PDB file of N, CA and C in Angstrom:
ATOM      1  N   UNK A   1      -2.970   1.828  15.124  1.00  0.00           N
ATOM      2  CA  UNK A   1      -2.611   2.561  13.940  1.00  0.00           C
ATOM      3  C   UNK A   1      -1.406   1.916  13.250  1.00  0.00           C
ATOM      4  N   UNK A   2      -0.574   1.257  14.042  1.00  0.00           N
ATOM      5  CA  UNK A   2       0.577   0.575  13.439  1.00  0.00           C
ATOM      6  C   UNK A   2       0.131  -0.574  12.546  1.00  0.00           C
ATOM      7  N   UNK A   3      -0.990  -1.219  12.906  1.00  0.00           N
ATOM      8  CA  UNK A   3      -1.500  -2.300  12.074  1.00  0.00           C
ATOM      9  C   UNK A   3      -1.985  -1.764  10.730  1.00  0.00           C
ATOM     10  N   UNK A   4      -2.594  -0.616  10.745  1.00  0.00           N
ATOM     11  CA  UNK A   4      -3.040   0.018   9.502  1.00  0.00           C
ATOM     12  C   UNK A   4      -1.839   0.393   8.647  1.00  0.00           C
ATOM     13  N   UNK A   5      -0.810   0.942   9.268  1.00  0.00           N
ATOM     14  CA  UNK A   5       0.402   1.305   8.528  1.00  0.00           C
ATOM     15  C   UNK A   5       1.062   0.071   7.919  1.00  0.00           C
ATOM     16  N   UNK A   6       1.091  -1.018   8.674  1.00  0.00           N
ATOM     17  CA  UNK A   6       1.689  -2.257   8.156  1.00  0.00           C
ATOM     18  C   UNK A   6       0.864  -2.811   7.002  1.00  0.00           C
ATOM     19  N   UNK A   7      -0.458  -2.776   7.132  1.00  0.00           N
ATOM     20  CA  UNK A   7      -1.321  -3.272   6.058  1.00  0.00           C
ATOM     21  C   UNK A   7      -1.159  -2.436   4.795  1.00  0.00           C
ATOM     22  N   UNK A   8      -1.095  -1.122   4.947  1.00  0.00           N
ATOM     23  CA  UNK A   8      -0.899  -0.259   3.786  1.00  0.00           C
ATOM     24  C   UNK A   8       0.476  -0.458   3.160  1.00  0.00           C
ATOM     25  N   UNK A   9       1.471  -0.736   3.973  1.00  0.00           N
ATOM     26  CA  UNK A   9       2.807  -1.004   3.439  1.00  0.00           C
ATOM     27  C   UNK A   9       2.811  -2.277   2.599  1.00  0.00           C
ATOM     28  N   UNK A  10       2.139  -3.304   3.092  1.00  0.00           N
ATOM     29  CA  UNK A  10       2.026  -4.554   2.325  1.00  0.00           C
ATOM     30  C   UNK A  10       1.251  -4.315   1.036  1.00  0.00           C
ATOM     31  N   UNK A  11       0.168  -3.555   1.117  1.00  0.00           N
ATOM     32  CA  UNK A  11      -0.617  -3.261  -0.079  1.00  0.00           C
ATOM     33  C   UNK A  11       0.181  -2.459  -1.105  1.00  0.00           C
ATOM     34  N   UNK A  12       0.995  -1.534  -0.645  1.00  0.00           N
ATOM     35  CA  UNK A  12       1.796  -0.770  -1.601  1.00  0.00           C
ATOM     36  C   UNK A  12       2.793  -1.677  -2.310  1.00  0.00           C
ATOM     37  N   UNK A  13       3.353  -2.638  -1.582  1.00  0.00           N
ATOM     38  CA  UNK A  13       4.245  -3.608  -2.222  1.00  0.00           C
ATOM     39  C   UNK A  13       3.517  -4.475  -3.228  1.00  0.00           C
ATOM     40  N   UNK A  14       2.299  -4.886  -2.877  1.00  0.00           N
ATOM     41  CA  UNK A  14       1.511  -5.687  -3.820  1.00  0.00           C
ATOM     42  C   UNK A  14       1.146  -4.895  -5.070  1.00  0.00           C
ATOM     43  N   UNK A  15       0.753  -3.643  -4.894  1.00  0.00           N
ATOM     44  CA  UNK A  15       0.431  -2.823  -6.062  1.00  0.00           C
ATOM     45  C   UNK A  15       1.661  -2.555  -6.913  1.00  0.00           C
ATOM     46  N   UNK A  16       2.810  -2.376  -6.285  1.00  0.00           N
ATOM     47  CA  UNK A  16       4.049  -2.183  -7.041  1.00  0.00           C
ATOM     48  C   UNK A  16       4.381  -3.435  -7.855  1.00  0.00           C
ATOM     49  N   UNK A  17       4.249  -4.605  -7.221  1.00  0.00           N
ATOM     50  CA  UNK A  17       4.511  -5.855  -7.926  1.00  0.00           C
ATOM     51  C   UNK A  17       3.499  -6.088  -9.045  1.00  0.00           C
ATOM     52  N   UNK A  18       2.252  -5.742  -8.795  1.00  0.00           N
ATOM     53  CA  UNK A  18       1.225  -5.914  -9.818  1.00  0.00           C
ATOM     54  C   UNK A  18       1.474  -4.994 -11.010  1.00  0.00           C
ATOM     55  N   UNK A  19       1.941  -3.792 -10.748  1.00  0.00           N
ATOM     56  CA  UNK A  19       2.188  -2.869 -11.860  1.00  0.00           C
ATOM     57  C   UNK A  19       3.375  -3.301 -12.701  1.00  0.00           C
ATOM     58  N   UNK A  20       4.285  -4.069 -12.118  1.00  0.00           N
ATOM     59  CA  UNK A  20       5.440  -4.587 -12.866  1.00  0.00           C
ATOM     60  C   UNK A  20       5.200  -5.989 -13.394  1.00  0.00           C
ATOM     61  N   UNK A  21       3.961  -6.480 -13.290  1.00  0.00           N
ATOM     62  CA  UNK A  21       3.547  -7.796 -13.810  1.00  0.00           C
ATOM     63  C   UNK A  21       4.373  -8.928 -13.210  1.00  0.00           C
ATOM     64  N   UNK A  22       4.583  -8.878 -11.897  1.00  0.00           N
ATOM     65  CA  UNK A  22       5.407  -9.878 -11.228  1.00  0.00           C
ATOM     66  C   UNK A  22       4.605 -10.924 -10.470  1.00  0.00           C
ATOM     67  N   UNK A  23       3.294 -10.730 -10.307  1.00  0.00           N
ATOM     68  CA  UNK A  23       2.531 -11.684  -9.501  1.00  0.00           C
ATOM     69  C   UNK A  23       1.435 -12.388 -10.299  1.00  0.00           C
ATOM     70  N   UNK A  24       1.551 -12.412 -11.590  1.00  0.00           N
ATOM     71  CA  UNK A  24       0.678 -13.206 -12.435  1.00  0.00           C
ATOM     72  C   UNK A  24      -0.739 -12.669 -12.572  1.00  0.00           C
ATOM     73  N   UNK A  25      -1.690 -13.619 -12.642  1.00  0.00           N
ATOM     74  CA  UNK A  25      -3.075 -13.243 -12.895  1.00  0.00           C
ATOM     75  C   UNK A  25      -3.689 -12.488 -11.725  1.00  0.00           C
ATOM     76  N   UNK A  26      -3.183 -12.696 -10.510  1.00  0.00           N
ATOM     77  CA  UNK A  26      -3.668 -11.938  -9.364  1.00  0.00           C
ATOM     78  C   UNK A  26      -3.369 -10.454  -9.543  1.00  0.00           C
ATOM     79  N   UNK A  27      -2.229 -10.147 -10.123  1.00  0.00           N
ATOM     80  CA  UNK A  27      -1.859  -8.758 -10.383  1.00  0.00           C
ATOM     81  C   UNK A  27      -2.757  -8.105 -11.417  1.00  0.00           C
ATOM     82  N   UNK A  28      -3.177  -8.877 -12.408  1.00  0.00           N
ATOM     83  CA  UNK A  28      -4.088  -8.353 -13.422  1.00  0.00           C
ATOM     84  C   UNK A  28      -5.422  -7.995 -12.777  1.00  0.00           C
ATOM     85  N   UNK A  29      -5.902  -8.864 -11.881  1.00  0.00           N
ATOM     86  CA  UNK A  29      -7.152  -8.594 -11.174  1.00  0.00           C
ATOM     87  C   UNK A  29      -7.016  -7.376 -10.275  1.00  0.00           C
ATOM     88  N   UNK A  30      -5.879  -7.270  -9.582  1.00  0.00           N
ATOM     89  CA  UNK A  30      -5.658  -6.105  -8.718  1.00  0.00           C
ATOM     90  C   UNK A  30      -5.666  -4.818  -9.528  1.00  0.00           C
ATOM     91  N   UNK A  31      -5.024  -4.824 -10.677  1.00  0.00           N
ATOM     92  CA  UNK A  31      -4.941  -3.610 -11.482  1.00  0.00           C
ATOM     93  C   UNK A  31      -6.268  -3.296 -12.162  1.00  0.00           C
ATOM     94  N   UNK A  32      -7.126  -4.301 -12.311  1.00  0.00           N
ATOM     95  CA  UNK A  32      -8.452  -4.044 -12.861  1.00  0.00           C
ATOM     96  C   UNK A  32      -9.280  -3.217 -11.891  1.00  0.00           C
ATOM     97  N   UNK A  33      -9.226  -3.580 -10.616  1.00  0.00           N
ATOM     98  CA  UNK A  33     -10.040  -2.894  -9.612  1.00  0.00           C
ATOM     99  C   UNK A  33      -9.341  -1.684  -8.998  1.00  0.00           C
ATOM    100  N   UNK A  34      -8.032  -1.674  -8.970  1.00  0.00           N
ATOM    101  CA  UNK A  34      -7.284  -0.567  -8.365  1.00  0.00           C
ATOM    102  C   UNK A  34      -6.292   0.033  -9.328  1.00  0.00           C
ATOM    103  N   UNK A  35      -6.759   0.415 -10.493  1.00  0.00           N
ATOM    104  CA  UNK A  35      -5.884   0.913 -11.549  1.00  0.00           C
ATOM    105  C   UNK A  35      -5.071   2.134 -11.163  1.00  0.00           C
ATOM    106  N   UNK A  36      -5.669   3.034 -10.419  1.00  0.00           N
ATOM    107  CA  UNK A  36      -4.938   4.245 -10.014  1.00  0.00           C
ATOM    108  C   UNK A  36      -3.782   3.898  -9.092  1.00  0.00           C
ATOM    109  N   UNK A  37      -3.981   2.890  -8.257  1.00  0.00           N
ATOM    110  CA  UNK A  37      -2.918   2.500  -7.333  1.00  0.00           C
ATOM    111  C   UNK A  37      -1.843   1.677  -8.041  1.00  0.00           C
ATOM    112  N   UNK A  38      -2.194   0.972  -9.098  1.00  0.00           N
ATOM    113  CA  UNK A  38      -1.177   0.263  -9.878  1.00  0.00           C
ATOM    114  C   UNK A  38      -0.329   1.254 -10.670  1.00  0.00           C
ATOM    115  N   UNK A  39      -0.965   2.316 -11.139  1.00  0.00           N
ATOM    116  CA  UNK A  39      -0.221   3.322 -11.890  1.00  0.00           C
ATOM    117  C   UNK A  39       0.740   4.088 -10.996  1.00  0.00           C
ATOM    118  N   UNK A  40       0.344   4.307  -9.740  1.00  0.00           N
ATOM    119  CA  UNK A  40       1.178   5.076  -8.819  1.00  0.00           C
ATOM    120  C   UNK A  40       1.067   4.483  -7.408  1.00  0.00           C
ATOM    121  N   UNK A  41       1.835   3.427  -7.112  1.00  0.00           N
ATOM    122  CA  UNK A  41       1.754   2.820  -5.773  1.00  0.00           C
ATOM    123  C   UNK A  41       2.319   3.714  -4.669  1.00  0.00           C
ATOM    124  N   UNK A  42       2.930   4.815  -5.045  1.00  0.00           N
ATOM    125  CA  UNK A  42       3.448   5.761  -4.058  1.00  0.00           C
ATOM    126  C   UNK A  42       2.316   6.381  -3.241  1.00  0.00           C
ATOM    127  N   UNK A  43       1.115   6.412  -3.812  1.00  0.00           N
ATOM    128  CA  UNK A  43      -0.049   6.935  -3.079  1.00  0.00           C
ATOM    129  C   UNK A  43      -0.301   6.090  -1.838  1.00  0.00           C
ATOM    130  N   UNK A  44      -0.289   4.770  -1.995  1.00  0.00           N
ATOM    131  CA  UNK A  44      -0.549   3.868  -0.870  1.00  0.00           C
ATOM    132  C   UNK A  44       0.620   3.907   0.106  1.00  0.00           C
ATOM    133  N   UNK A  45       1.843   3.992  -0.405  1.00  0.00           N
ATOM    134  CA  UNK A  45       3.008   4.075   0.468  1.00  0.00           C
ATOM    135  C   UNK A  45       2.986   5.356   1.297  1.00  0.00           C
ATOM    136  N   UNK A  46       2.544   6.451   0.687  1.00  0.00           N
ATOM    137  CA  UNK A  46       2.433   7.711   1.436  1.00  0.00           C
ATOM    138  C   UNK A  46       1.408   7.589   2.551  1.00  0.00           C
ATOM    139  N   UNK A  47       0.309   6.896   2.276  1.00  0.00           N
ATOM    140  CA  UNK A  47      -0.684   6.651   3.315  1.00  0.00           C
ATOM    141  C   UNK A  47      -0.120   5.820   4.450  1.00  0.00           C
ATOM    142  N   UNK A  48       0.711   4.840   4.113  1.00  0.00           N
ATOM    143  CA  UNK A  48       1.351   4.022   5.145  1.00  0.00           C
ATOM    144  C   UNK A  48       2.304   4.861   5.993  1.00  0.00           C
ATOM    145  N   UNK A  49       3.053   5.735   5.348  1.00  0.00           N
ATOM    146  CA  UNK A  49       3.977   6.593   6.092  1.00  0.00           C
ATOM    147  C   UNK A  49       3.224   7.555   7.006  1.00  0.00           C
ATOM    148  N   UNK A  50       2.140   8.115   6.505  1.00  0.00           N
ATOM    149  CA  UNK A  50       1.338   9.023   7.327  1.00  0.00           C
ATOM    150  C   UNK A  50       0.680   8.292   8.497  1.00  0.00           C
ATOM    151  N   UNK A  51       0.203   7.082   8.259  1.00  0.00           N
ATOM    152  CA  UNK A  51      -0.413   6.306   9.344  1.00  0.00           C
ATOM    153  C   UNK A  51       0.625   5.941  10.401  1.00  0.00           C
ATOM    154  N   UNK A  52       1.826   5.590   9.964  1.00  0.00           N
ATOM    155  CA  UNK A  52       2.892   5.293  10.919  1.00  0.00           C
ATOM    156  C   UNK A  52       3.295   6.507  11.723  1.00  0.00           C
ATOM    157  N   UNK A  53       3.400   7.648  11.052  1.00  0.00           N
ATOM    158  CA  UNK A  53       3.753   8.886  11.755  1.00  0.00           C
ATOM    159  C   UNK A  53       2.654   9.280  12.736  1.00  0.00           C
ATOM    160  N   UNK A  54       1.405   9.118  12.318  1.00  0.00           N
ATOM    161  CA  UNK A  54       0.297   9.445  13.205  1.00  0.00           C
ATOM    162  C   UNK A  54       0.280   8.505  14.414  1.00  0.00           C
ATOM    163  N   UNK A  55       0.566   7.227  14.176  1.00  0.00           N
ATOM    164  CA  UNK A  55       0.638   6.273  15.284  1.00  0.00           C
ATOM    165  C   UNK A  55       1.730   6.634  16.283  1.00  0.00           C
ATOM    166  N   UNK A  56       2.859   7.097  15.784  1.00  0.00           N
ATOM    167  CA  UNK A  56       3.930   7.531  16.698  1.00  0.00           C
ATOM    168  C   UNK A  56       3.539   8.803  17.441  1.00  0.00           C
ATOM    169  N   UNK A  57       2.799   9.675  16.786  1.00  0.00           N
ATOM    170  CA  UNK A  57       2.412  10.946  17.373  1.00  0.00           C
ATOM    171  C   UNK A  57       1.411  10.764  18.517  1.00  0.00           C
ATOM    172  N   UNK A  58       0.480   9.842  18.355  1.00  0.00           N
ATOM    173  CA  UNK A  58      -0.584   9.693  19.344  1.00  0.00           C
ATOM    174  C   UNK A  58      -0.325   8.563  20.348  1.00  0.00           C
ATOM    175  N   UNK A  59       0.803   7.887  20.221  1.00  0.00           N
ATOM    176  CA  UNK A  59       1.070   6.773  21.147  1.00  0.00           C
ATOM    177  C   UNK A  59       1.373   7.312  22.544  1.00  0.00           C
ATOM    178  N   UNK A  60       0.871   6.598  23.529  1.00  0.00           N
ATOM    179  CA  UNK A  60       1.069   6.974  24.925  1.00  0.00           C
ATOM    180  C   UNK A  60       2.000   5.963  25.552  1.00  0.00           C
ATOM    181  N   UNK A  61       3.053   6.446  26.163  1.00  0.00           N
ATOM    182  CA  UNK A  61       4.015   5.521  26.790  1.00  0.00           C
ATOM    183  C   UNK A  61       4.144   5.819  28.248  1.00  0.00           C
TER     184      UNK A  61
END
């Protein structure tokens, strides 16, 4: 679950950068297919936080 949280964290950063037009033509392509996430990258970040919390909750030590 930590891998999912890390992947979502990276994706939220990419969507944030794409919405601010910082990563060039790749950002334009990202916002074409994921417009809702470019408009509000907090959605993906919230998913990353929930996945991280869930991973901590279910981890067995």
